Amino acid sequence: CELYSCMCGNNMSVPLLADAVTISGTERETAAVIFLHGLGDTGHSWADALSSIRLPYVKYICPHAPRIPVTLNMKMVMPSWFDLMGLSPDAPEDENGIKKAAENIKAVIDHEVKNGIPANRIILAGFSQGGALSLYTALT
């Protein structure tokens, strides 16, 4: 039996779930963790880490960021939740990209709520760029 699986097109109405890595609970799922990876990474590496600490009643969802050109990295195409222009505090920000990414994450949350996970039992977390997007999404 596989520890985790890719959604692989099971839910095209929520684009981030189309190929997200999901670790199902071993008991009835009453909570969910949505974990967003950092720049250049994918949900696969975090699914491996989360599987080692998983709880039986929790569903873990590790979506993959779209592959886009990242200005900070000489416009190299890589997994990124939004474009990064620079690292200094006064660097311009991809406000539209950040807002769009947050809406996509909210669609994942809404999907889980519609499927029976109470909103107060959903944790949104992340690492690096994914952590920043998690915080932004939670605050908006």
N, C-alpha and C. Protein backbone atom coordinates (compact mmCIF):
# COMPACT_ATOMS: atom_id res chain seq x y z
N CYS A 1 0.85 -1.18 0.00
CA CYS A 1 0.00 0.00 0.00
C CYS A 1 0.89 1.24 0.00
N GLU A 2 0.56 2.17 -0.84
CA GLU A 2 1.33 3.39 -0.97
C GLU A 2 1.04 4.33 0.20
N LEU A 3 2.08 4.95 0.73
CA LEU A 3 1.92 5.84 1.87
C LEU A 3 1.18 7.12 1.48
N TYR A 4 1.51 7.67 0.31
CA TYR A 4 0.81 8.86 -0.14
C TYR A 4 0.59 8.76 -1.64
N SER A 5 -0.28 9.62 -2.12
CA SER A 5 -0.62 9.55 -3.54
C SER A 5 -0.75 10.93 -4.12
N CYS A 6 -0.65 11.00 -5.43
CA CYS A 6 -0.93 12.24 -6.14
C CYS A 6 -2.40 12.24 -6.50
N MET A 7 -3.00 13.39 -6.43
CA MET A 7 -4.41 13.48 -6.79
C MET A 7 -4.60 13.19 -8.28
N CYS A 8 -3.62 13.54 -9.10
CA CYS A 8 -3.57 13.18 -10.52
C CYS A 8 -4.90 13.39 -11.24
N GLY A 9 -5.41 14.59 -11.19
CA GLY A 9 -6.59 14.92 -11.96
C GLY A 9 -7.91 14.57 -11.30
N ASN A 10 -7.91 14.11 -10.08
CA ASN A 10 -9.15 13.74 -9.41
C ASN A 10 -10.05 14.94 -9.13
N ASN A 11 -9.50 16.14 -9.11
CA ASN A 11 -10.32 17.30 -8.83
C ASN A 11 -9.87 18.48 -9.67
N MET A 12 -10.33 18.55 -10.88
CA MET A 12 -9.92 19.62 -11.78
C MET A 12 -10.59 20.95 -11.42
N SER A 13 -11.63 20.95 -10.58
CA SER A 13 -12.28 22.19 -10.20
C SER A 13 -11.41 23.01 -9.24
N VAL A 14 -10.44 22.39 -8.62
CA VAL A 14 -9.48 23.07 -7.75
C VAL A 14 -8.10 22.79 -8.33
N PRO A 15 -7.57 23.72 -9.15
CA PRO A 15 -6.34 23.44 -9.90
C PRO A 15 -5.17 22.93 -9.05
N LEU A 16 -4.96 23.47 -7.85
CA LEU A 16 -3.82 23.02 -7.05
C LEU A 16 -3.97 21.59 -6.57
N LEU A 17 -5.19 21.06 -6.57
CA LEU A 17 -5.39 19.68 -6.14
C LEU A 17 -5.19 18.68 -7.27
N ALA A 18 -5.08 19.18 -8.51
CA ALA A 18 -4.98 18.27 -9.66
C ALA A 18 -3.80 17.33 -9.55
N ASP A 19 -2.68 17.82 -9.02
CA ASP A 19 -1.50 16.95 -8.89
C ASP A 19 -0.86 17.05 -7.50
N ALA A 20 -1.63 17.52 -6.52
CA ALA A 20 -1.10 17.64 -5.15
C ALA A 20 -0.76 16.27 -4.59
N VAL A 21 0.22 16.24 -3.71
CA VAL A 21 0.55 15.01 -2.99
C VAL A 21 -0.32 15.00 -1.74
N THR A 22 -1.04 13.91 -1.53
CA THR A 22 -1.95 13.80 -0.39
C THR A 22 -1.59 12.57 0.42
N ILE A 23 -1.48 12.76 1.73
CA ILE A 23 -1.27 11.64 2.65
C ILE A 23 -2.59 11.46 3.39
N SER A 24 -3.26 10.38 3.11
CA SER A 24 -4.56 10.13 3.74
C SER A 24 -4.38 9.63 5.17
N GLY A 25 -5.37 9.94 6.00
CA GLY A 25 -5.37 9.41 7.36
C GLY A 25 -5.65 7.92 7.35
N THR A 26 -5.24 7.26 8.41
CA THR A 26 -5.52 5.82 8.53
C THR A 26 -6.84 5.58 9.25
N GLU A 27 -7.40 6.64 9.82
CA GLU A 27 -8.72 6.59 10.45
C GLU A 27 -9.59 7.65 9.76
N ARG A 28 -10.82 7.81 10.24
CA ARG A 28 -11.69 8.85 9.66
C ARG A 28 -11.00 10.21 9.80
N GLU A 29 -10.89 10.91 8.69
CA GLU A 29 -10.18 12.20 8.69
C GLU A 29 -11.08 13.30 9.26
N THR A 30 -10.60 13.90 10.34
CA THR A 30 -11.35 14.98 10.98
C THR A 30 -10.57 16.29 11.00
N ALA A 31 -9.40 16.29 10.38
CA ALA A 31 -8.56 17.48 10.32
C ALA A 31 -7.69 17.40 9.07
N ALA A 32 -7.15 18.56 8.68
CA ALA A 32 -6.26 18.59 7.51
C ALA A 32 -5.13 19.57 7.74
N VAL A 33 -3.98 19.25 7.17
CA VAL A 33 -2.84 20.16 7.13
C VAL A 33 -2.54 20.41 5.65
N ILE A 34 -2.54 21.67 5.27
CA ILE A 34 -2.15 22.06 3.92
C ILE A 34 -0.78 22.70 4.06
N PHE A 35 0.24 22.07 3.45
CA PHE A 35 1.61 22.53 3.62
C PHE A 35 2.17 23.00 2.29
N LEU A 36 2.65 24.26 2.26
CA LEU A 36 3.17 24.87 1.04
C LEU A 36 4.70 24.90 1.06
N HIS A 37 5.30 24.34 0.03
CA HIS A 37 6.76 24.27 -0.07
C HIS A 37 7.37 25.63 -0.41
N GLY A 38 8.68 25.69 -0.36
CA GLY A 38 9.41 26.90 -0.68
C GLY A 38 9.75 27.01 -2.16
N LEU A 39 10.38 28.12 -2.53
CA LEU A 39 10.78 28.40 -3.90
C LEU A 39 11.64 27.28 -4.46
N GLY A 40 11.29 26.81 -5.65
CA GLY A 40 12.08 25.80 -6.35
C GLY A 40 11.84 24.37 -5.92
N ASP A 41 11.00 24.17 -4.95
CA ASP A 41 10.75 22.83 -4.41
C ASP A 41 9.40 22.32 -4.93
N THR A 42 8.99 21.17 -4.46
CA THR A 42 7.66 20.63 -4.77
C THR A 42 7.06 20.06 -3.49
N GLY A 43 5.82 19.67 -3.57
CA GLY A 43 5.16 19.06 -2.42
C GLY A 43 5.69 17.70 -2.05
N HIS A 44 6.39 17.04 -3.00
CA HIS A 44 6.87 15.68 -2.74
C HIS A 44 7.83 15.60 -1.55
N SER A 45 8.80 16.50 -1.47
CA SER A 45 9.78 16.40 -0.38
C SER A 45 9.13 16.64 0.98
N TRP A 46 8.13 17.53 1.03
CA TRP A 46 7.45 17.79 2.29
C TRP A 46 6.50 16.67 2.66
N ALA A 47 5.94 16.00 1.67
CA ALA A 47 5.09 14.84 1.95
C ALA A 47 5.91 13.75 2.62
N ASP A 48 7.14 13.55 2.16
CA ASP A 48 8.01 12.56 2.79
C ASP A 48 8.25 12.91 4.26
N ALA A 49 8.54 14.19 4.52
CA ALA A 49 8.80 14.62 5.90
C ALA A 49 7.55 14.49 6.77
N LEU A 50 6.42 14.94 6.25
CA LEU A 50 5.18 14.89 7.03
C LEU A 50 4.71 13.47 7.30
N SER A 51 5.00 12.56 6.39
CA SER A 51 4.56 11.17 6.59
C SER A 51 5.20 10.54 7.82
N SER A 52 6.36 11.05 8.22
CA SER A 52 7.04 10.48 9.39
C SER A 52 6.45 10.96 10.71
N ILE A 53 5.64 12.01 10.68
CA ILE A 53 5.04 12.53 11.92
C ILE A 53 3.52 12.55 11.84
N ARG A 54 2.96 11.85 10.88
CA ARG A 54 1.53 11.95 10.62
C ARG A 54 0.67 11.41 11.76
N LEU A 55 -0.50 11.98 11.86
CA LEU A 55 -1.51 11.53 12.83
C LEU A 55 -2.59 10.78 12.06
N PRO A 56 -3.21 9.77 12.66
CA PRO A 56 -4.13 8.90 11.93
C PRO A 56 -5.41 9.57 11.44
N TYR A 57 -5.83 10.66 12.07
CA TYR A 57 -7.08 11.32 11.71
C TYR A 57 -6.87 12.59 10.88
N VAL A 58 -5.63 12.82 10.43
CA VAL A 58 -5.29 14.03 9.69
C VAL A 58 -4.97 13.69 8.24
N LYS A 59 -5.52 14.49 7.35
CA LYS A 59 -5.20 14.42 5.93
C LYS A 59 -4.16 15.50 5.66
N TYR A 60 -3.05 15.13 5.03
CA TYR A 60 -1.98 16.08 4.71
C TYR A 60 -2.01 16.34 3.21
N ILE A 61 -2.03 17.61 2.83
CA ILE A 61 -2.09 18.00 1.43
C ILE A 61 -0.87 18.87 1.13
N CYS A 62 -0.09 18.45 0.15
CA CYS A 62 1.12 19.18 -0.24
C CYS A 62 1.02 19.55 -1.72
N PRO A 63 0.39 20.69 -2.03
CA PRO A 63 0.27 21.09 -3.43
C PRO A 63 1.61 21.53 -4.01
N HIS A 64 1.69 21.57 -5.32
CA HIS A 64 2.88 22.04 -6.03
C HIS A 64 2.61 23.44 -6.58
N ALA A 65 3.56 24.34 -6.40
CA ALA A 65 3.45 25.67 -7.01
C ALA A 65 3.58 25.53 -8.52
N PRO A 66 2.96 26.45 -9.26
CA PRO A 66 3.16 26.43 -10.72
C PRO A 66 4.60 26.78 -11.07
N ARG A 67 5.03 26.34 -12.22
CA ARG A 67 6.38 26.68 -12.71
C ARG A 67 6.28 27.99 -13.47
N ILE A 68 6.96 29.02 -12.95
CA ILE A 68 6.92 30.35 -13.57
C ILE A 68 8.33 30.93 -13.62
N PRO A 69 8.58 31.93 -14.50
CA PRO A 69 9.87 32.62 -14.48
C PRO A 69 9.99 33.46 -13.21
N VAL A 70 11.13 33.35 -12.53
CA VAL A 70 11.35 34.08 -11.29
C VAL A 70 12.40 35.16 -11.54
N THR A 71 11.98 36.42 -11.45
CA THR A 71 12.84 37.56 -11.74
C THR A 71 14.13 37.51 -10.94
N LEU A 72 14.05 37.21 -9.66
CA LEU A 72 15.21 37.16 -8.77
C LEU A 72 16.27 36.17 -9.27
N ASN A 73 15.84 35.11 -9.91
CA ASN A 73 16.75 34.06 -10.40
C ASN A 73 16.93 34.14 -11.91
N MET A 74 17.14 35.35 -12.40
CA MET A 74 17.39 35.60 -13.82
C MET A 74 16.29 35.03 -14.71
N LYS A 75 15.06 35.12 -14.23
CA LYS A 75 13.86 34.65 -14.94
C LYS A 75 13.87 33.15 -15.25
N MET A 76 14.66 32.40 -14.48
CA MET A 76 14.66 30.95 -14.63
C MET A 76 13.28 30.43 -14.24
N VAL A 77 12.77 29.49 -15.03
CA VAL A 77 11.46 28.89 -14.75
C VAL A 77 11.63 27.84 -13.66
N MET A 78 10.84 27.96 -12.61
CA MET A 78 10.92 27.04 -11.47
C MET A 78 9.61 27.07 -10.70
N PRO A 79 9.38 26.07 -9.84
CA PRO A 79 8.18 26.13 -9.00
C PRO A 79 8.23 27.34 -8.07
N SER A 80 7.21 28.17 -8.17
CA SER A 80 7.15 29.38 -7.35
C SER A 80 5.69 29.78 -7.18
N TRP A 81 5.31 30.11 -5.96
CA TRP A 81 3.93 30.51 -5.69
C TRP A 81 3.63 31.86 -6.31
N PHE A 82 4.65 32.71 -6.44
CA PHE A 82 4.53 34.03 -7.05
C PHE A 82 5.93 34.49 -7.42
N ASP A 83 6.03 35.54 -8.24
CA ASP A 83 7.34 36.03 -8.67
C ASP A 83 8.03 36.76 -7.51
N LEU A 84 9.33 36.65 -7.47
CA LEU A 84 10.15 37.39 -6.51
C LEU A 84 11.05 38.33 -7.30
N MET A 85 10.98 39.63 -6.98
CA MET A 85 11.76 40.63 -7.71
C MET A 85 13.11 40.90 -7.05
N GLY A 86 13.18 40.73 -5.74
CA GLY A 86 14.40 41.00 -5.00
C GLY A 86 14.22 40.61 -3.55
N LEU A 87 15.32 40.70 -2.79
CA LEU A 87 15.28 40.29 -1.39
C LEU A 87 15.31 41.45 -0.40
N SER A 88 15.58 42.65 -0.88
CA SER A 88 15.66 43.79 0.03
C SER A 88 14.26 44.20 0.48
N PRO A 89 14.16 44.81 1.65
CA PRO A 89 12.84 45.22 2.16
C PRO A 89 12.09 46.18 1.23
N ASP A 90 12.82 46.93 0.40
CA ASP A 90 12.16 47.88 -0.50
C ASP A 90 12.01 47.36 -1.93
N ALA A 91 12.28 46.09 -2.15
CA ALA A 91 12.11 45.50 -3.49
C ALA A 91 10.63 45.47 -3.85
N PRO A 92 10.31 45.69 -5.12
CA PRO A 92 8.90 45.59 -5.52
C PRO A 92 8.37 44.17 -5.29
N GLU A 93 7.07 44.07 -5.09
CA GLU A 93 6.45 42.77 -4.85
C GLU A 93 5.42 42.46 -5.92
N ASP A 94 5.26 41.21 -6.21
CA ASP A 94 4.29 40.72 -7.19
C ASP A 94 2.92 40.63 -6.52
N GLU A 95 2.31 41.79 -6.29
CA GLU A 95 1.04 41.82 -5.55
C GLU A 95 -0.05 41.00 -6.22
N ASN A 96 -0.17 41.11 -7.54
CA ASN A 96 -1.20 40.33 -8.24
C ASN A 96 -0.94 38.84 -8.13
N GLY A 97 0.33 38.44 -8.26
CA GLY A 97 0.68 37.03 -8.15
C GLY A 97 0.43 36.48 -6.76
N ILE A 98 0.74 37.29 -5.75
CA ILE A 98 0.51 36.87 -4.36
C ILE A 98 -0.99 36.70 -4.11
N LYS A 99 -1.78 37.66 -4.58
CA LYS A 99 -3.24 37.58 -4.39
C LYS A 99 -3.81 36.37 -5.12
N LYS A 100 -3.36 36.10 -6.34
CA LYS A 100 -3.84 34.95 -7.11
C LYS A 100 -3.47 33.65 -6.40
N ALA A 101 -2.23 33.57 -5.91
CA ALA A 101 -1.79 32.36 -5.19
C ALA A 101 -2.64 32.15 -3.94
N ALA A 102 -2.93 33.22 -3.21
CA ALA A 102 -3.76 33.10 -2.00
C ALA A 102 -5.17 32.62 -2.35
N GLU A 103 -5.72 33.11 -3.44
CA GLU A 103 -7.05 32.64 -3.87
C GLU A 103 -7.02 31.16 -4.20
N ASN A 104 -5.95 30.69 -4.83
CA ASN A 104 -5.83 29.27 -5.14
C ASN A 104 -5.75 28.42 -3.87
N ILE A 105 -5.05 28.92 -2.87
CA ILE A 105 -4.95 28.20 -1.59
C ILE A 105 -6.31 28.20 -0.89
N LYS A 106 -7.01 29.34 -0.94
CA LYS A 106 -8.35 29.40 -0.34
C LYS A 106 -9.30 28.41 -1.00
N ALA A 107 -9.12 28.17 -2.30
CA ALA A 107 -9.95 27.18 -3.00
C ALA A 107 -9.69 25.77 -2.45
N VAL A 108 -8.44 25.48 -2.10
CA VAL A 108 -8.12 24.18 -1.50
C VAL A 108 -8.80 24.07 -0.13
N ILE A 109 -8.72 25.12 0.66
CA ILE A 109 -9.37 25.13 1.98
C ILE A 109 -10.88 24.93 1.82
N ASP A 110 -11.49 25.69 0.91
CA ASP A 110 -12.93 25.57 0.67
C ASP A 110 -13.31 24.15 0.26
N HIS A 111 -12.48 23.53 -0.56
CA HIS A 111 -12.73 22.15 -1.00
C HIS A 111 -12.75 21.20 0.19
N GLU A 112 -11.80 21.37 1.10
CA GLU A 112 -11.75 20.50 2.28
C GLU A 112 -12.96 20.71 3.18
N VAL A 113 -13.38 21.97 3.34
CA VAL A 113 -14.56 22.26 4.16
C VAL A 113 -15.80 21.62 3.53
N LYS A 114 -15.93 21.75 2.21
CA LYS A 114 -17.09 21.14 1.51
C LYS A 114 -17.08 19.62 1.65
N ASN A 115 -15.91 19.05 1.85
CA ASN A 115 -15.80 17.60 1.99
C ASN A 115 -15.80 17.14 3.45
N GLY A 116 -16.21 18.03 4.36
CA GLY A 116 -16.46 17.61 5.73
C GLY A 116 -15.42 17.94 6.78
N ILE A 117 -14.33 18.58 6.40
CA ILE A 117 -13.33 18.98 7.42
C ILE A 117 -13.71 20.37 7.91
N PRO A 118 -14.00 20.54 9.20
CA PRO A 118 -14.35 21.87 9.72
C PRO A 118 -13.19 22.86 9.53
N ALA A 119 -13.52 24.10 9.19
CA ALA A 119 -12.49 25.12 8.95
C ALA A 119 -11.56 25.28 10.15
N ASN A 120 -12.09 25.13 11.36
CA ASN A 120 -11.25 25.29 12.55
C ASN A 120 -10.35 24.08 12.80
N ARG A 121 -10.41 23.08 11.92
CA ARG A 121 -9.53 21.91 12.04
C ARG A 121 -8.63 21.79 10.81
N ILE A 122 -8.42 22.92 10.13
CA ILE A 122 -7.51 22.97 8.99
C ILE A 122 -6.34 23.86 9.35
N ILE A 123 -5.15 23.32 9.22
CA ILE A 123 -3.93 24.08 9.47
C ILE A 123 -3.30 24.41 8.13
N LEU A 124 -2.98 25.68 7.94
CA LEU A 124 -2.27 26.13 6.75
C LEU A 124 -0.86 26.49 7.18
N ALA A 125 0.13 25.83 6.61
CA ALA A 125 1.52 26.04 7.01
C ALA A 125 2.40 26.01 5.78
N GLY A 126 3.66 26.34 5.96
CA GLY A 126 4.59 26.29 4.84
C GLY A 126 6.00 26.62 5.26
N PHE A 127 6.89 26.49 4.29
CA PHE A 127 8.31 26.75 4.48
C PHE A 127 8.74 27.85 3.52
N SER A 128 9.48 28.83 4.03
CA SER A 128 10.06 29.89 3.22
C SER A 128 8.97 30.61 2.42
N GLN A 129 9.03 30.62 1.10
CA GLN A 129 8.01 31.31 0.30
C GLN A 129 6.62 30.74 0.61
N GLY A 130 6.54 29.44 0.82
CA GLY A 130 5.27 28.82 1.17
C GLY A 130 4.77 29.27 2.54
N GLY A 131 5.68 29.51 3.47
CA GLY A 131 5.30 30.03 4.78
C GLY A 131 4.78 31.45 4.68
N ALA A 132 5.43 32.27 3.85
CA ALA A 132 4.97 33.64 3.65
C ALA A 132 3.58 33.65 3.02
N LEU A 133 3.36 32.78 2.03
CA LEU A 133 2.05 32.70 1.39
C LEU A 133 1.00 32.18 2.37
N SER A 134 1.35 31.24 3.21
CA SER A 134 0.42 30.73 4.23
C SER A 134 -0.03 31.85 5.15
N LEU A 135 0.92 32.65 5.61
CA LEU A 135 0.59 33.76 6.50
C LEU A 135 -0.29 34.78 5.79
N TYR A 136 0.09 35.16 4.58
CA TYR A 136 -0.70 36.13 3.82
C TYR A 136 -2.13 35.62 3.62
N THR A 137 -2.25 34.36 3.23
CA THR A 137 -3.57 33.77 2.98
C THR A 137 -4.42 33.77 4.24
N ALA A 138 -3.82 33.44 5.36
CA ALA A 138 -4.56 33.40 6.63
C ALA A 138 -5.02 34.79 7.06
N LEU A 139 -4.27 35.81 6.70
CA LEU A 139 -4.59 37.17 7.13
C LEU A 139 -5.52 37.92 6.19
N THR A 140 -5.81 37.33 5.02
CA THR A 140 -6.66 38.05 4.05
C THR A 140 -7.98 37.34 3.82
